[in-house]
Amino acid sequence: MWAENDSGPPGVPCLESRSEPVEGGVYRMYHGTSRPAAESIMAHGFKQSVDGMLGRGVYLSRDLNKASRYPLNLPENQRVVLRVKVNVGRVKKIDRQGHPLQKSWHDHGYDTAWCPPECGMVPSGLEEDCVWDPNRIQVINAIKLGCRYF
């Protein structure tokens, strides 16, 4: 069972997904992916997605339940969640569809876009973050169904 209150490693704070991230804060987040993609990320680092709801960047969540749903087209037993440490830098709250900076937040000097839970941006109603620079993200480890995976 996945749980948002993942204890994770000591020294990396896990900010509850309902709390707004503090500029310059370092937080534990999660990224759901397949095992081959997780192995590639662990070996070579993250790469920006070309596009998405918030434009280019690396999509993460502080909500383990959110990350555990991805990739959507893969059976749960083939999914891996990467536990990561993220320096969010300057954060822009994007709290509605059609927000004027929805895809251009980085062009205005922001490092991370944050969608609060239940704001109407994400169909699941769960929190989501998009980090522009993959170098702000450090993989801690991979987990699968609540336990250490590799």
Protein backbone atom coordinates (compact mmCIF):
# COMPACT_ATOMS: atom_id res chain seq x y z
CA MET A 1 0.00 0.00 0.00
CA TRP A 2 1.28 3.46 -0.89
CA ALA A 3 1.13 6.11 1.83
CA GLU A 4 1.68 9.86 1.71
CA ASN A 5 3.29 9.80 5.14
CA ASP A 6 6.29 7.86 3.81
CA SER A 7 8.99 8.14 6.45
CA GLY A 8 11.77 8.13 3.86
CA PRO A 9 15.38 8.86 4.73
CA PRO A 10 16.22 11.12 7.66
CA GLY A 11 17.19 14.71 6.90
CA VAL A 12 14.97 15.18 3.82
CA PRO A 13 11.73 16.87 4.89
CA CYS A 14 8.43 15.71 3.46
CA LEU A 15 6.13 18.71 3.24
CA GLU A 16 2.49 17.62 3.28
CA SER A 17 1.02 18.01 -0.22
CA ARG A 18 -1.55 20.59 0.95
CA SER A 19 1.17 22.94 2.23
CA GLU A 20 2.63 25.52 -0.13
CA PRO A 21 6.34 24.91 -0.76
CA VAL A 22 8.64 27.60 0.58
CA GLU A 23 10.90 29.35 -1.93
CA GLY A 24 14.35 27.74 -1.81
CA GLY A 25 13.04 24.79 0.19
CA VAL A 26 14.37 21.26 -0.23
CA TYR A 27 11.72 18.56 -0.11
CA ARG A 28 11.17 14.85 -0.64
CA MET A 29 9.02 14.19 -3.70
CA TYR A 30 8.11 11.23 -5.89
CA HIS A 31 8.17 10.39 -9.59
CA GLY A 32 6.23 7.40 -10.95
CA THR A 33 7.69 5.54 -13.90
CA SER A 34 8.49 2.11 -15.36
CA ARG A 35 11.42 0.01 -14.16
CA PRO A 36 13.51 0.56 -17.35
CA ALA A 37 12.91 4.33 -17.16
CA ALA A 38 13.76 4.34 -13.43
CA GLU A 39 17.05 2.55 -14.14
CA SER A 40 17.88 5.10 -16.87
CA ILE A 41 17.03 8.03 -14.59
CA MET A 42 19.15 6.57 -11.79
CA ALA A 43 22.09 6.12 -14.17
CA HIS A 44 21.83 9.33 -16.21
CA GLY A 45 19.50 11.70 -14.33
CA PHE A 46 16.14 13.16 -15.22
CA LYS A 47 15.32 14.77 -18.55
CA GLN A 48 12.63 17.41 -19.10
CA SER A 49 9.39 16.30 -20.65
CA VAL A 50 8.79 18.12 -23.94
CA ASP A 51 5.35 19.34 -22.90
CA GLY A 52 2.56 18.74 -20.44
CA MET A 53 -0.11 20.51 -18.43
CA LEU A 54 2.56 22.92 -17.09
CA GLY A 55 4.83 22.88 -20.14
CA ARG A 56 8.40 21.58 -20.16
CA GLY A 57 9.96 20.18 -17.01
CA VAL A 58 10.13 17.16 -14.74
CA TYR A 59 6.77 16.22 -13.24
CA LEU A 60 6.78 15.17 -9.59
CA SER A 61 4.48 15.10 -6.59
CA ARG A 62 4.86 15.30 -2.85
CA ASP A 63 1.94 12.87 -2.72
CA LEU A 64 3.15 9.28 -3.00
CA ASN A 65 -0.35 8.16 -3.99
CA LYS A 66 -0.26 10.55 -6.98
CA ALA A 67 3.15 9.33 -8.19
CA SER A 68 2.20 5.68 -7.73
CA ARG A 69 -0.47 6.01 -10.46
CA TYR A 70 2.13 6.59 -13.19
CA PRO A 71 2.64 5.61 -15.89
CA LEU A 72 -1.12 5.38 -16.26
CA ASN A 73 -0.98 2.72 -19.00
CA LEU A 74 1.23 0.33 -17.00
CA PRO A 75 -0.09 -2.30 -14.55
CA GLU A 76 0.62 -1.40 -10.92
CA ASN A 77 3.01 -4.34 -10.49
CA GLN A 78 5.28 -2.90 -13.21
CA ARG A 79 5.44 0.62 -11.78
CA VAL A 80 8.31 2.05 -9.80
CA VAL A 81 8.31 5.26 -7.79
CA LEU A 82 11.53 7.20 -7.43
CA ARG A 83 11.94 8.96 -4.09
CA VAL A 84 13.82 12.20 -4.79
CA LYS A 85 15.22 15.24 -3.02
CA VAL A 86 14.27 18.51 -4.75
CA ASN A 87 15.47 22.07 -4.31
CA VAL A 88 12.34 23.88 -5.53
CA GLY A 89 13.98 27.29 -5.95
CA ARG A 90 11.48 30.01 -6.82
CA VAL A 91 7.94 28.55 -6.90
CA LYS A 92 4.89 29.71 -8.88
CA LYS A 93 1.48 28.53 -7.72
CA ILE A 94 -0.67 27.53 -10.71
CA ASP A 95 -4.13 27.00 -9.28
CA ARG A 96 -6.53 27.03 -12.23
CA GLN A 97 -6.79 25.97 -15.85
CA GLY A 98 -5.96 28.88 -18.12
CA HIS A 99 -3.69 30.54 -15.56
CA PRO A 100 -1.71 33.23 -17.45
CA LEU A 101 1.62 31.57 -16.52
CA GLN A 102 0.42 27.96 -16.85
CA LYS A 103 3.11 27.05 -19.41
CA SER A 104 5.36 30.11 -19.24
CA TRP A 105 6.21 30.22 -15.51
CA HIS A 106 9.89 29.51 -16.21
CA ASP A 107 10.10 32.45 -18.64
CA HIS A 108 9.13 34.66 -15.68
CA GLY A 109 11.97 33.50 -13.44
CA TYR A 110 10.36 30.55 -11.63
CA ASP A 111 12.10 27.20 -11.06
CA THR A 112 9.06 25.15 -10.07
CA ALA A 113 5.34 25.29 -10.84
CA TRP A 114 3.09 23.98 -8.07
CA CYS A 115 -0.52 22.83 -8.48
CA PRO A 116 -2.20 22.55 -5.08
CA PRO A 117 -4.57 19.65 -4.49
CA GLU A 118 -8.21 20.08 -5.51
CA CYS A 119 -7.55 23.28 -7.49
CA GLY A 120 -9.10 21.98 -10.72
CA MET A 121 -5.81 21.53 -12.59
CA VAL A 122 -5.35 17.79 -12.09
CA PRO A 123 -8.27 15.37 -12.70
CA SER A 124 -7.28 13.27 -9.64
CA GLY A 125 -7.39 16.36 -7.43
CA LEU A 126 -3.91 15.52 -6.12
CA GLU A 127 -0.90 17.84 -5.79
CA GLU A 128 1.61 18.12 -8.64
CA ASP A 129 4.90 19.93 -9.20
CA CYS A 130 6.88 20.65 -12.36
CA VAL A 131 10.59 21.39 -11.93
CA TRP A 132 12.29 23.11 -14.87
CA ASP A 133 15.92 22.12 -14.25
CA PRO A 134 16.56 18.38 -13.75
CA ASN A 135 19.75 19.30 -11.85
CA ARG A 136 17.54 20.44 -8.97
CA ILE A 137 16.46 16.82 -8.47
CA GLN A 138 18.54 14.13 -6.75
CA VAL A 139 17.35 10.52 -6.70
CA ILE A 140 17.34 9.03 -3.20
CA ASN A 141 16.13 5.54 -4.14
CA ALA A 142 13.39 3.59 -5.87
CA ILE A 143 10.41 2.08 -4.10
CA LYS A 144 7.76 -0.38 -5.18
CA LEU A 145 4.52 -1.02 -3.30
CA GLY A 146 5.81 0.67 -0.18
CA CYS A 147 9.17 -1.09 0.07
CA ARG A 148 12.71 -0.51 -1.16
CA TYR A 149 13.04 -1.83 -4.70
CA PHE A 150 16.62 -1.28 -5.92
